[in-house]
Amino acid sequence: MNPYRKLISNTLLFGISTFGSKFLTFLLTPLYTRILSSAEYGVTDLLIQTGNLLIPLASIGIANGVIRFGLEQTSDKSSVFTTGLFTMLGGFLVLLAASPLLGRMAFLSGYLWLLLLYVLMANLHSLCNQFARAMGHVRLFALDGILCTLLVIGLDILLLVVFRMGIAGYVLANVLADGITALFVFLRAKQWRYLRLSALSRASAARMLRYSAPLVPSNLCGWIINISDRYLIALLVGNAATGLYAIGNKIPNVPMMISSLFSSAWQISALTEQPKAEKERFFSNVFSVYASIAFVVASGIILTAQLSTRLLAAPEYYDAWRYVPVLTLATTFACLGSFLSSIYMVEQRSSATLWTTALGAVANVGGNLLFISLWGPMGAAVSTLGSYLLIFGLRAVHTRTMLRMRWDVPRLLLCCVLLGVQCMIVESAPPAWPLWSLSCFVAVAAANFRRLWNAARRVL
């Protein structure tokens, strides 16, 4: 199949499950904000994000190795799956032994057992669905996303609305959904056939861990950029402000949702064997369209920040819209940087993913300490923007030593300037600001129209 059509086909398939799933969950925000107070939502968010931090630590990021080496034609699939499972279980036992230390965190009081279950089920689910994708079960991977979402929605309604379990119900819904779907994929894809103790190989395990291990601190650094600001806001401003900031982050996460579904398909295409010149042309063409979509979507989100916040959250959360424009710009650069990290994946240079993300994390922590004390939650948003901009810049320069993509620099700079101006217009709200913001959106769309139109024609 033509590589562009294959990429589009897989992206659409993953989009039906991944984006549809996340978008449906995203639409549950009004339910969460009406059932949970802003302080409760702040604690819930900290609890889930702590779990998201522990997930790669407890598994040594082995799911990354499962998809990377599972996609290789010559790899031993039984060795890949068995190594992944035993690594994940061993890491969880270490986490279990360290759980008394976690219990000392005040916001985990009464929820530690739920947190541990959340980490275990999320890792099992990730292992099973990544291996299914590596084995070519693309439709099963998509179906898994849909099933998980339906379970989360049903369990959220049951545990939050019917049984009024509050924070515990929110987390338990995710635990049960992950556990059920992990079992479904394991049985449907007959993955027990690849579970063999004899397939364990020291050489295979070392190869997978050499690739996966550097991505663990990389994930930690990414967590620092995304989440550490919420801990500092809770400490310096309060839990209610953390809840508002968390809601403000929901809407800018739409570009990240689109990016994550694309990445699922892109990993398969990026690892396709091609001559270097053809690969450079392929990466350049795909990135150009990817960046255009990211810019247009970001401008649309900034344009509708107030309206979308009013529609998706309870009235007491309305002030969260103020963080949407800057955080949207930040996630746009996060998406662009994420695409460039695929070059490191292809070249098996996960250490480069680590050091670029680490520098961004250091900048983020420094910016948070400085700006949150000055500007409150808005300071955290500005710091997040700066860190993602730094990561994108570093990767844009460094990846050229491996793969020389063609860059349309004038268009990129123009779109960045227009988005920056649009952010300032929405935040400062000068006379007739909706018209000025709309003008920026039209300009961004016009700057990217030809490239998107040509891409659509090529696909059709």
Foldseek 3Di string as FASTA:
>chain_A
DPLLLLLVVLLVLLCLQLVVLLVVVLLCLAVLQVLDPLLLLLLLVVLVLVLVLVQCQLQLQLLLLLLLQLLDPPDQNLQSLQLSVVSNVVSLVVVVVVLVVVCVDPSCPPPSVLSSLLSSLQSLLSSLLSNCVSVPVSNLSRVLSNQLSVQLVVQCCCVCVVVVVRSSSNSVSNSVSSNVSSVVSCVVVVVVVSNDPVSHDPVSSVVSSLLSNLVSLLVVLVSLLVPVLLVVLCVPPRSSLSSLLVLLLSLLCSLVSSLVSSVSSVLSSLQDDDPQVVSQAVLQLVLLLSLLVLLLVLLVCLLCLQVVLPSRHDPVSSVSSLLNLLLNLLVSLVSLLVSLCSLCSNVSNSNLSNVLSNVLSVQLVVQSVPQCVPPNSSSSSNSSSVSSVSSSVVSVVVSCVPHNHDDPVVLVVLSSVLSVVLSVLSNVVDPPSSVVSVVSSVVSCVSSVVSNVVSVVVND
